[in-house]
Amino acid sequence: MGKRGRKKLVDKILEVIKGEDEKGEYLIVYDLPTTHMPKELYIALQHLMDKGFFLMRVQKSVYLTNSSMVALAVREIVKHYGGEAKIYKIEKEL
């Protein structure tokens, strides 16, 4: 029988928010209440990318994605680590 491990945070979050995904460009801007960014946050974001989702770091606390589902997942990951995140849909780039 195969080895069973704990389900990753990303998998748990994706199960909860799965549903209709609205394509477009989304910026996720987040802030954590500490100057020390937990490495687990970055590992969780990397797990999203490893699953084939587009997620690009724009600045230290700003990410770009092409999926509302991924944007929501990032927000939930940030909230899990005690932070706050805002999601902005880009309608037009100047």
Protein backbone atom coordinates (compact mmCIF):
# COMPACT_ATOMS: atom_id res chain seq x y z
CA MET A 1 0.00 0.00 0.00
CA GLY A 2 1.28 3.48 -0.86
CA LYS A 3 2.48 5.94 1.70
CA ARG A 4 -0.15 8.53 2.63
CA GLY A 5 0.94 11.91 3.86
CA ARG A 6 -0.81 15.01 4.99
CA LYS A 7 -2.55 17.01 2.31
CA LYS A 8 -0.68 20.16 1.33
CA LEU A 9 -2.15 23.54 2.23
CA VAL A 10 -2.50 24.43 -1.47
CA ASP A 11 -4.51 21.27 -2.16
CA LYS A 12 -6.85 21.99 0.76
CA ILE A 13 -7.41 25.57 -0.41
CA LEU A 14 -7.99 24.58 -4.03
CA GLU A 15 -10.62 22.03 -2.94
CA VAL A 16 -12.53 24.75 -1.10
CA ILE A 17 -12.41 27.42 -3.83
CA LYS A 18 -12.75 25.22 -6.89
CA GLY A 19 -15.53 26.18 -9.25
CA GLU A 20 -15.83 28.63 -12.06
CA ASP A 21 -12.59 30.30 -12.92
CA GLU A 22 -12.68 33.72 -14.52
CA LYS A 23 -9.75 34.32 -16.83
CA GLY A 24 -8.11 37.72 -16.96
CA GLU A 25 -5.16 39.44 -15.36
CA TYR A 26 -5.14 39.79 -11.58
CA LEU A 27 -2.74 41.51 -9.21
CA ILE A 28 -2.53 40.21 -5.66
CA VAL A 29 -1.01 42.67 -3.19
CA TYR A 30 -0.37 41.34 0.29
CA ASP A 31 1.09 42.34 3.61
CA LEU A 32 2.11 40.27 6.60
CA PRO A 33 2.19 41.64 10.17
CA THR A 34 5.87 40.81 10.51
CA THR A 35 9.12 41.80 8.85
CA HIS A 36 10.07 38.11 8.63
CA MET A 37 8.31 36.39 5.74
CA PRO A 38 7.73 32.71 6.55
CA LYS A 39 9.46 30.46 4.05
CA GLU A 40 6.36 28.21 4.13
CA LEU A 41 4.40 30.99 2.41
CA TYR A 42 6.82 30.99 -0.52
CA ILE A 43 6.83 27.18 -0.60
CA ALA A 44 3.02 27.18 -0.81
CA LEU A 45 3.12 29.71 -3.67
CA GLN A 46 5.70 27.53 -5.42
CA HIS A 47 3.35 24.54 -5.03
CA LEU A 48 0.71 26.50 -6.99
CA MET A 49 3.22 27.06 -9.78
CA ASP A 50 4.31 23.41 -9.66
CA LYS A 51 0.67 22.47 -10.34
CA GLY A 52 0.90 24.37 -13.64
CA PHE A 53 -0.80 27.59 -12.57
CA PHE A 54 0.62 30.89 -13.81
CA LEU A 55 1.85 33.01 -10.92
CA MET A 56 4.56 35.63 -11.40
CA ARG A 57 6.21 37.71 -8.71
CA VAL A 58 6.14 41.39 -9.68
CA GLN A 59 7.58 42.80 -6.44
CA LYS A 60 8.23 41.50 -2.94
CA SER A 61 4.54 41.42 -1.96
CA VAL A 62 2.88 41.63 -5.39
CA TYR A 63 1.99 38.73 -7.70
CA LEU A 64 0.36 38.55 -11.13
CA THR A 65 -1.84 35.70 -12.34
CA ASN A 66 -4.25 34.98 -15.18
CA SER A 67 -6.88 33.19 -13.09
CA SER A 68 -9.38 34.35 -10.46
CA MET A 69 -9.08 30.94 -8.80
CA VAL A 70 -5.31 31.31 -8.37
CA ALA A 71 -5.75 34.87 -7.07
CA LEU A 72 -8.22 33.60 -4.47
CA ALA A 73 -5.87 30.75 -3.55
CA VAL A 74 -2.98 33.19 -3.00
CA ARG A 75 -5.21 35.34 -0.79
CA GLU A 76 -6.13 32.28 1.31
CA ILE A 77 -2.49 31.24 1.62
CA VAL A 78 -1.55 34.73 2.82
CA LYS A 79 -4.47 34.73 5.31
CA HIS A 80 -3.29 31.32 6.58
CA TYR A 81 0.02 32.94 7.54
CA GLY A 82 -1.67 35.89 9.29
CA GLY A 83 -1.54 38.40 6.47
CA GLU A 84 -3.99 40.39 4.43
CA ALA A 85 -4.30 40.41 0.65
CA LYS A 86 -6.18 42.48 -1.90
CA ILE A 87 -7.00 41.24 -5.39
CA TYR A 88 -7.26 43.66 -8.31
CA LYS A 89 -8.50 42.71 -11.76
CA ILE A 90 -6.62 44.53 -14.50
CA GLU A 91 -9.09 45.84 -17.05
CA LYS A 92 -6.75 47.94 -19.13
CA GLU A 93 -3.01 48.46 -19.16
CA LEU A 94 -1.89 51.94 -20.11
